[in-house]
Protein backbone atom coordinates (compact mmCIF):
# COMPACT_ATOMS: atom_id res chain seq x y z
CA MET A 1 0.00 0.00 0.00
CA ILE A 2 1.50 3.34 -0.94
CA LYS A 3 0.42 6.76 0.24
CA LEU A 4 2.33 9.86 -0.73
CA LYS A 5 2.94 11.22 2.76
CA LYS A 6 2.43 8.11 4.83
CA ILE A 7 3.38 4.59 3.79
CA VAL A 8 2.11 1.36 5.32
CA LEU A 9 3.70 -1.90 4.13
CA ALA A 10 1.82 -5.15 4.75
CA LEU A 11 4.26 -8.04 4.69
CA GLY A 12 3.56 -11.33 2.94
CA ALA A 13 5.13 -14.74 3.42
CA CYS A 14 8.91 -14.69 3.52
CA GLY A 15 10.72 -16.57 0.77
CA VAL A 16 14.17 -18.13 0.67
CA MET A 17 17.14 -16.72 -1.23
CA ALA A 18 20.85 -16.91 -0.64
CA SER A 19 22.03 -13.49 0.50
CA GLY A 20 24.70 -11.73 -1.52
CA THR A 21 28.15 -10.81 -0.36
CA ALA A 22 30.69 -9.68 -2.95
CA TRP A 23 29.90 -9.90 -6.66
CA ALA A 24 31.67 -9.34 -9.94
CA ASP A 25 28.59 -7.81 -11.55
CA ILE A 26 25.15 -6.84 -10.34
CA LYS A 27 22.84 -9.00 -12.42
CA VAL A 28 19.25 -7.71 -12.67
CA GLY A 29 16.25 -8.94 -14.62
CA ALA A 30 14.26 -6.79 -17.04
CA LEU A 31 10.78 -8.27 -17.40
CA PHE A 32 8.80 -6.49 -20.11
CA PRO A 33 6.61 -7.40 -23.11
CA PHE A 34 9.26 -7.13 -25.82
CA SER A 35 7.04 -8.78 -28.42
CA GLY A 36 3.33 -9.10 -29.09
CA ASN A 37 0.60 -6.47 -28.85
CA LEU A 38 2.25 -4.61 -25.96
CA ALA A 39 5.74 -4.53 -27.42
CA LEU A 40 5.92 -0.84 -28.36
CA LEU A 41 5.35 0.47 -24.86
CA GLY A 42 7.14 -2.50 -23.31
CA GLN A 43 10.24 -1.67 -25.32
CA GLU A 44 9.87 2.05 -24.63
CA SER A 45 9.64 1.34 -20.91
CA PHE A 46 12.74 -0.87 -21.04
CA ARG A 47 14.67 1.90 -22.75
CA GLY A 48 14.23 4.06 -19.66
CA LEU A 49 15.79 1.32 -17.55
CA GLU A 50 18.56 0.81 -20.08
CA VAL A 51 19.43 4.52 -20.22
CA ALA A 52 19.61 4.59 -16.41
CA VAL A 53 21.86 1.52 -16.30
CA ASN A 54 24.16 2.90 -19.01
CA GLU A 55 24.45 6.18 -17.12
CA ILE A 56 25.20 4.48 -13.80
CA ASN A 57 27.76 2.12 -15.35
CA ALA A 58 29.49 5.02 -17.12
CA ALA A 59 29.85 6.71 -13.72
CA GLY A 60 31.46 3.61 -12.18
CA GLY A 61 28.49 1.36 -11.49
CA VAL A 62 26.88 0.65 -8.13
CA ASN A 63 29.59 0.83 -5.49
CA GLY A 64 32.11 0.18 -8.24
CA GLU A 65 30.27 -2.85 -9.64
CA LYS A 66 28.83 -3.03 -13.17
CA ILE A 67 25.10 -3.59 -13.67
CA VAL A 68 24.26 -6.36 -16.15
CA ILE A 69 20.71 -6.65 -17.52
CA VAL A 70 19.14 -10.03 -18.25
CA LYS A 71 16.13 -9.48 -20.53
CA ALA A 72 12.93 -11.50 -20.23
CA ASP A 73 10.09 -11.26 -22.75
CA ALA A 74 6.69 -11.52 -21.03
CA VAL A 75 3.93 -11.11 -23.61
CA ASP A 76 1.18 -12.27 -21.25
CA PRO A 77 0.66 -13.42 -17.63
CA THR A 78 1.52 -17.05 -18.39
CA GLN A 79 4.83 -16.12 -19.96
CA ALA A 80 5.46 -13.63 -17.14
CA VAL A 81 5.43 -16.51 -14.64
CA SER A 82 7.82 -18.70 -16.63
CA GLU A 83 10.17 -15.81 -17.38
CA ALA A 84 10.23 -14.71 -13.74
CA LYS A 85 11.24 -18.24 -12.78
CA ARG A 86 13.98 -18.20 -15.42
CA LEU A 87 15.37 -14.91 -14.11
CA ILE A 88 15.45 -16.27 -10.57
CA SER A 89 17.29 -19.37 -11.78
CA ALA A 90 19.76 -17.06 -13.55
CA GLY A 91 20.65 -15.53 -10.18
CA VAL A 92 19.38 -11.97 -10.58
CA VAL A 93 19.43 -9.85 -7.44
CA GLY A 94 16.22 -8.11 -8.43
CA VAL A 95 13.69 -7.83 -11.24
CA PHE A 96 12.75 -4.54 -12.92
CA GLY A 97 9.52 -4.22 -14.91
CA SER A 98 7.03 -4.37 -16.38
CA TYR A 99 4.75 -1.75 -17.97
CA ALA A 100 1.74 -4.11 -18.22
CA SER A 101 -0.27 -4.63 -15.04
CA GLY A 102 -1.29 -8.17 -15.99
CA VAL A 103 2.37 -9.08 -16.44
CA SER A 104 3.36 -7.52 -13.14
CA TYR A 105 0.46 -9.07 -11.23
CA ALA A 106 1.41 -12.55 -12.48
CA ALA A 107 5.19 -12.28 -12.07
CA THR A 108 5.37 -10.74 -8.61
CA PRO A 109 4.05 -13.76 -6.63
CA VAL A 110 6.92 -15.76 -8.15
CA THR A 111 9.59 -13.29 -7.11
CA GLU A 112 8.00 -12.77 -3.69
CA LEU A 113 8.03 -16.49 -2.94
CA ALA A 114 11.70 -16.63 -3.93
CA GLY A 115 12.56 -13.54 -1.88
CA VAL A 116 13.77 -11.61 -4.92
CA PRO A 117 13.04 -7.85 -4.88
CA TYR A 118 10.72 -6.70 -7.68
CA PHE A 119 10.92 -3.08 -8.72
CA GLU A 120 7.81 -1.97 -10.59
CA MET A 121 8.23 1.26 -12.56
CA GLY A 122 5.25 1.36 -14.90
CA ALA A 123 2.36 -1.03 -14.20
CA THR A 124 -0.48 1.02 -12.74
CA ALA A 125 -3.14 -1.44 -11.49
CA HIS A 126 -3.77 -0.70 -7.84
CA LYS A 127 -4.06 -4.36 -6.87
CA VAL A 128 -0.45 -5.06 -7.88
CA THR A 129 0.75 -3.55 -4.59
CA THR A 130 -2.14 -4.42 -2.26
CA ARG A 131 -1.33 -8.07 -1.54
CA GLY A 132 0.99 -7.53 1.40
CA TYR A 133 4.22 -8.38 -0.42
CA LYS A 134 7.46 -7.67 1.40
CA TYR A 135 9.85 -7.38 -1.55
CA LEU A 136 7.66 -5.58 -4.07
CA PHE A 137 8.19 -1.85 -4.61
CA ARG A 138 6.56 0.57 -7.05
CA SER A 139 7.75 4.03 -8.12
CA ASN A 140 4.96 5.07 -10.52
CA PRO A 141 1.39 6.29 -9.88
CA ASN A 142 -1.36 3.68 -9.55
CA THR A 143 -4.81 3.48 -11.12
CA ALA A 144 -6.56 4.85 -8.05
CA LEU A 145 -4.85 8.15 -8.86
CA TYR A 146 -5.37 7.85 -12.62
CA GLY A 147 -9.15 7.46 -12.54
CA VAL A 148 -9.69 10.33 -10.17
CA ALA A 149 -7.33 12.57 -12.12
CA VAL A 150 -9.12 11.84 -15.42
CA VAL A 151 -12.52 12.82 -14.05
CA ASP A 152 -11.16 15.80 -12.13
CA ALA A 153 -9.56 17.06 -15.36
CA LEU A 154 -12.90 16.70 -17.12
CA HIS A 155 -14.69 18.53 -14.33
CA GLU A 156 -12.25 21.34 -13.65
CA LEU A 157 -10.65 22.03 -17.03
CA ILE A 158 -11.95 20.21 -20.08
CA ALA A 159 -15.73 20.48 -19.84
CA PRO A 160 -15.61 24.19 -18.87
CA GLY A 161 -13.03 24.76 -21.59
CA VAL A 162 -15.30 23.44 -24.34
CA GLY A 163 -18.41 25.05 -22.85
CA LEU A 164 -20.16 21.81 -21.91
CA ASN A 165 -22.65 22.05 -19.04
CA PRO A 166 -22.18 19.24 -16.51
CA LYS A 167 -25.92 18.60 -16.55
CA ASP A 168 -25.74 17.84 -20.27
CA ILE A 169 -22.83 15.40 -20.01
CA LYS A 170 -23.41 11.71 -20.61
CA ILE A 171 -20.29 9.68 -19.90
CA GLY A 172 -19.38 6.41 -21.54
CA ILE A 173 -16.49 4.54 -19.94
CA ILE A 174 -14.82 1.93 -22.15
CA HIS A 175 -11.81 -0.09 -21.12
CA GLU A 176 -9.66 -3.12 -21.81
CA ASP A 177 -10.68 -5.82 -19.35
CA GLY A 178 -7.29 -6.50 -17.71
CA PRO A 179 -6.24 -5.20 -14.27
CA TYR A 180 -5.13 -1.84 -15.72
CA GLY A 181 -8.34 -0.99 -17.57
CA THR A 182 -10.66 -2.46 -14.96
CA ASP A 183 -9.07 -0.51 -12.10
CA VAL A 184 -9.04 2.81 -13.94
CA ALA A 185 -12.64 2.40 -15.09
CA ALA A 186 -13.85 1.61 -11.58
CA THR A 187 -12.25 4.72 -10.11
CA GLU A 188 -13.50 6.86 -13.02
CA LYS A 189 -17.05 5.71 -12.45
CA LYS A 190 -16.86 6.27 -8.70
CA ARG A 191 -15.37 9.74 -9.04
CA ALA A 192 -17.82 10.78 -11.77
CA GLN A 193 -20.77 9.73 -9.62
CA GLU A 194 -19.34 11.59 -6.63
CA LEU A 195 -19.31 14.75 -8.75
CA GLY A 196 -22.89 14.14 -9.90
CA TYR A 197 -22.19 13.11 -13.49
CA ASN A 198 -24.43 10.79 -15.46
CA VAL A 199 -22.46 7.64 -16.34
CA VAL A 200 -24.66 5.90 -18.90
CA GLN A 201 -22.32 3.12 -20.07
CA VAL A 202 -19.39 1.16 -18.64
CA LEU A 203 -18.23 -1.27 -21.31
CA PRO A 204 -15.25 -3.63 -20.96
CA TYR A 205 -13.63 -5.45 -23.87
CA SER A 206 -10.59 -7.61 -24.58
CA ALA A 207 -7.48 -5.68 -25.56
CA LYS A 208 -7.01 -8.33 -28.27
CA THR A 209 -10.39 -7.63 -29.88
CA VAL A 210 -10.59 -6.82 -33.57
CA ASP A 211 -14.11 -5.40 -33.47
CA LEU A 212 -15.51 -2.65 -31.25
CA SER A 213 -18.42 -1.79 -33.54
CA SER A 214 -21.17 -3.09 -31.24
CA LEU A 215 -19.66 -1.23 -28.29
CA ILE A 216 -19.56 1.98 -30.31
CA LEU A 217 -23.18 1.53 -31.36
CA ARG A 218 -24.14 1.24 -27.69
CA LEU A 219 -22.32 4.49 -26.93
CA LYS A 220 -23.98 6.18 -29.86
CA GLY A 221 -27.40 4.83 -28.94
CA SER A 222 -27.01 6.18 -25.40
CA ASP A 223 -26.16 9.67 -26.71
CA VAL A 224 -22.77 9.56 -25.00
CA ASN A 225 -20.95 12.85 -25.52
CA VAL A 226 -17.92 12.16 -23.28
CA VAL A 227 -15.85 9.00 -23.74
CA LEU A 228 -13.27 7.92 -21.18
CA GLN A 229 -11.11 5.14 -22.60
CA THR A 230 -8.41 3.07 -20.94
CA ALA A 231 -6.63 1.20 -23.72
CA TYR A 232 -3.42 -0.17 -25.12
CA GLN A 233 -2.33 0.90 -28.58
CA ASN A 234 -4.17 -1.47 -30.90
CA ASP A 235 -7.55 -1.09 -29.20
CA ALA A 236 -7.16 2.70 -29.00
CA ILE A 237 -6.56 2.87 -32.76
CA LEU A 238 -9.43 0.44 -33.39
CA TYR A 239 -11.84 2.61 -31.39
CA PHE A 240 -11.09 5.74 -33.41
CA ASN A 241 -11.25 3.95 -36.77
CA GLN A 242 -14.58 2.28 -36.03
CA ALA A 243 -16.06 5.37 -34.36
CA ARG A 244 -15.32 7.25 -37.58
CA SER A 245 -17.01 4.56 -39.65
CA ALA A 246 -20.06 4.63 -37.40
CA GLY A 247 -20.31 8.43 -37.48
CA PHE A 248 -19.85 8.60 -33.71
CA LYS A 249 -18.32 11.93 -32.69
CA PRO A 250 -18.41 12.61 -28.95
CA LYS A 251 -17.55 16.12 -27.87
CA ILE A 252 -14.78 14.93 -25.53
CA VAL A 253 -12.50 11.88 -25.54
CA ILE A 254 -10.02 11.37 -22.70
CA GLY A 255 -7.46 8.56 -22.56
CA ALA A 256 -5.73 7.26 -19.45
CA GLY A 257 -2.22 6.62 -20.65
CA GLY A 258 -1.42 3.31 -22.33
CA GLY A 259 -1.96 3.51 -26.08
CA TYR A 260 -2.81 7.19 -25.83
CA SER A 261 0.79 7.80 -24.75
CA LEU A 262 2.38 6.87 -28.05
CA ALA A 263 3.15 9.31 -30.83
CA ASP A 264 2.66 6.36 -33.21
CA THR A 265 -0.96 6.09 -32.06
CA ALA A 266 -1.62 9.68 -33.06
CA LYS A 267 0.04 9.07 -36.43
CA ALA A 268 -2.09 5.99 -37.07
CA VAL A 269 -5.33 7.72 -36.07
CA GLY A 270 -4.64 10.92 -37.96
CA ALA A 271 -6.85 14.00 -37.77
CA ASP A 272 -9.35 12.34 -35.43
CA MET A 273 -6.74 12.57 -32.67
CA ASN A 274 -6.91 16.37 -32.76
CA GLY A 275 -8.63 17.64 -29.64
CA VAL A 276 -8.29 14.33 -27.79
CA PHE A 277 -6.99 14.50 -24.21
CA ASP A 278 -4.68 12.13 -22.35
CA LEU A 279 -4.00 11.88 -18.61
CA ASP A 280 -0.58 10.33 -18.41
CA PHE A 281 2.93 10.01 -17.03
CA PRO A 282 5.07 13.15 -17.40
CA GLN A 283 6.16 13.41 -21.03
CA SER A 284 9.62 14.25 -22.31
CA SER A 285 8.19 17.40 -23.90
CA ILE A 286 7.62 19.09 -20.54
CA ASN A 287 9.50 22.26 -19.66
CA PRO A 288 13.06 21.31 -18.64
CA ALA A 289 13.07 24.21 -16.17
CA GLY A 290 10.60 22.25 -14.05
CA ALA A 291 12.32 18.89 -14.55
CA PRO A 292 15.99 18.94 -13.52
CA GLY A 293 17.94 16.26 -15.37
CA LEU A 294 15.49 16.02 -18.27
CA ASN A 295 17.93 17.31 -20.88
CA LYS A 296 20.56 14.81 -19.73
CA PHE A 297 18.04 12.00 -20.16
CA LEU A 298 16.99 13.25 -23.60
CA ASP A 299 20.60 13.51 -24.79
CA ALA A 300 21.31 9.96 -23.64
CA TYR A 301 18.11 8.61 -25.18
CA ARG A 302 18.72 10.26 -28.54
CA GLY A 303 22.32 9.11 -28.52
CA ALA A 304 21.34 5.50 -27.87
CA TYR A 305 18.24 5.17 -30.07
CA LYS A 306 18.63 7.94 -32.68
CA SER A 307 15.14 9.27 -32.04
CA ASP A 308 13.05 11.15 -29.51
CA PRO A 309 11.16 9.16 -26.85
CA GLN A 310 7.89 7.71 -28.13
CA SER A 311 6.08 8.31 -24.84
CA GLY A 312 6.62 9.28 -21.21
CA HIS A 313 7.11 5.64 -20.23
CA SER A 314 10.85 5.72 -20.86
CA LEU A 315 11.27 8.83 -18.71
CA THR A 316 9.15 7.36 -15.90
CA ASN A 317 11.12 4.11 -15.94
CA TYR A 318 14.41 6.01 -16.03
CA VAL A 319 13.49 7.99 -12.91
CA GLY A 320 12.23 4.88 -11.11
CA ALA A 321 15.31 2.87 -12.01
CA LYS A 322 17.65 5.59 -10.79
CA ALA A 323 15.84 5.70 -7.44
CA PHE A 324 15.91 1.93 -6.98
CA PHE A 325 19.59 1.63 -7.95
CA ASP A 326 20.35 4.36 -5.43
CA ALA A 327 18.67 2.17 -2.81
CA ILE A 328 20.70 -0.89 -3.89
CA GLY A 329 23.85 1.20 -3.68
CA ASN A 330 22.92 2.44 -0.20
CA ALA A 331 22.27 -1.14 0.90
CA LYS A 332 25.89 -2.00 0.01
CA SER A 333 24.71 -5.58 -0.43
CA THR A 334 22.53 -7.80 -2.61
CA ASP A 335 20.80 -9.15 0.49
CA LYS A 336 17.04 -8.76 -0.01
CA ASP A 337 16.37 -7.44 3.48
CA LYS A 338 19.17 -4.89 3.29
CA ILE A 339 17.82 -3.71 -0.06
CA ARG A 340 14.35 -3.47 1.44
CA ALA A 341 15.64 -1.47 4.39
CA ALA A 342 17.39 0.90 2.00
CA VAL A 343 14.20 1.40 -0.01
CA LEU A 344 12.27 2.14 3.18
CA ALA A 345 14.96 4.57 4.27
CA GLY A 346 14.20 6.53 1.11
CA ALA A 347 10.53 6.79 2.16
CA PRO A 348 10.51 8.95 5.31
CA GLY A 349 7.56 8.23 7.59
CA ALA A 350 7.11 4.68 6.32
CA ILE A 351 5.66 2.15 8.75
CA ASP A 352 6.87 -1.45 8.74
CA ALA A 353 3.68 -2.99 10.07
CA GLY A 354 4.22 -6.71 9.63
CA ALA A 355 1.32 -8.79 8.32
CA ARG A 356 -1.85 -7.55 6.61
CA GLU A 357 -3.89 -7.44 9.84
CA ALA A 358 -1.25 -5.34 11.59
CA ALA A 359 -0.92 -3.09 8.54
CA ILE A 360 -4.65 -2.35 8.54
CA ALA A 361 -4.60 -1.63 12.26
CA ALA A 362 -1.62 0.70 11.83
CA ALA A 363 -3.32 2.54 8.98
CA LEU A 364 -6.52 3.01 10.98
CA SER A 365 -4.66 4.23 14.05
CA ASP A 366 -2.84 6.85 11.96
CA LEU A 367 -5.94 8.30 10.30
CA ARG A 368 -6.35 12.06 10.20
CA PRO A 369 -9.40 14.14 9.14
CA GLY A 370 -9.98 13.65 5.42
CA ASP A 371 -7.81 10.51 5.15
CA VAL A 372 -9.10 7.35 3.49
CA VAL A 373 -7.85 3.80 4.01
CA LEU A 374 -8.44 1.50 1.03
CA LEU A 375 -8.55 -2.24 1.77
CA ALA A 376 -8.01 -4.10 -1.49
CA GLY A 377 -9.00 -7.75 -1.67
CA LYS A 378 -9.66 -9.96 1.32
CA GLY A 379 -7.14 -11.45 3.72
CA HIS A 380 -7.65 -12.30 7.42
CA GLU A 381 -11.02 -10.52 7.55
CA SER A 382 -14.15 -12.60 8.14
CA GLY A 383 -17.66 -11.87 6.89
């Protein structure tokens, strides 16, 4: 469980792993979808990790030791499990990943059982980090923040900006049916209803679908004028192409990262992408004055890949990787518990609460006016 100002960690079952002492290289796993439907953003995410590793190695490595990346291609949850096992067998001291929430959700029980730290830098599904795992850490925002931010942007900026009266808004929420899309859609619906909006459709679909025409006809038949979509690249492009064919033109379309992040998505969609909004990770096009170190990252990225970043995923993974490697360096060891202690030391105010029951009790005892404690899933609770 991660809260910006206060952190409560619920610990899961401890695994077994030989602790590290001295090493010739620091071997880490990189678990991303390098092929398949998610490959573009998987590869872009990995590039952020790779740029960070190259930069650290050029400066002398971690405590003088070189970082070596072992790549693992996880195109789906099943492959994520097998690849996580392979990385553990290869002797990695930690696994970095993964962009896709389904991949992360499947791989992390494997690493947790083995006692191998897993550093998540891009998967957003809230439930990834609500299972009480001891050696799982995440540096990026989760879907609980995404969904609220999308609807707040609609309410505070976008609808007023286009002159749309809230009373006239009919929202259609469409989403890929994995952990990422499902979590974002749920928080979007909840936040929209809290603000008094009329949510007329919530429609899930498979990210592998090749036909969204019936879904679009339902949106059109419900007079939806605001579409909130959580999608990967292929389904985002499919929506726009089939919406055009059906003559469906909502006044507002807002994406929640994923496929909406990619410049290639905009190129594929064409003019229909004009006026579309995206709530996303910080992009590399932000003002460098407000992002110290951005120009250094951009120079390194362009030097390595001969192009500009395709999305903010590489930047987000770069920042996360740098933070986690700092923690490994501060641990001065590959021992999982020393690494964990170093990560916690970088999160002032964190509470090491033990098991799930103790974590819930600690969170409740620390509540202040206006705070909310979210209990995800079911553990020791009865009833």
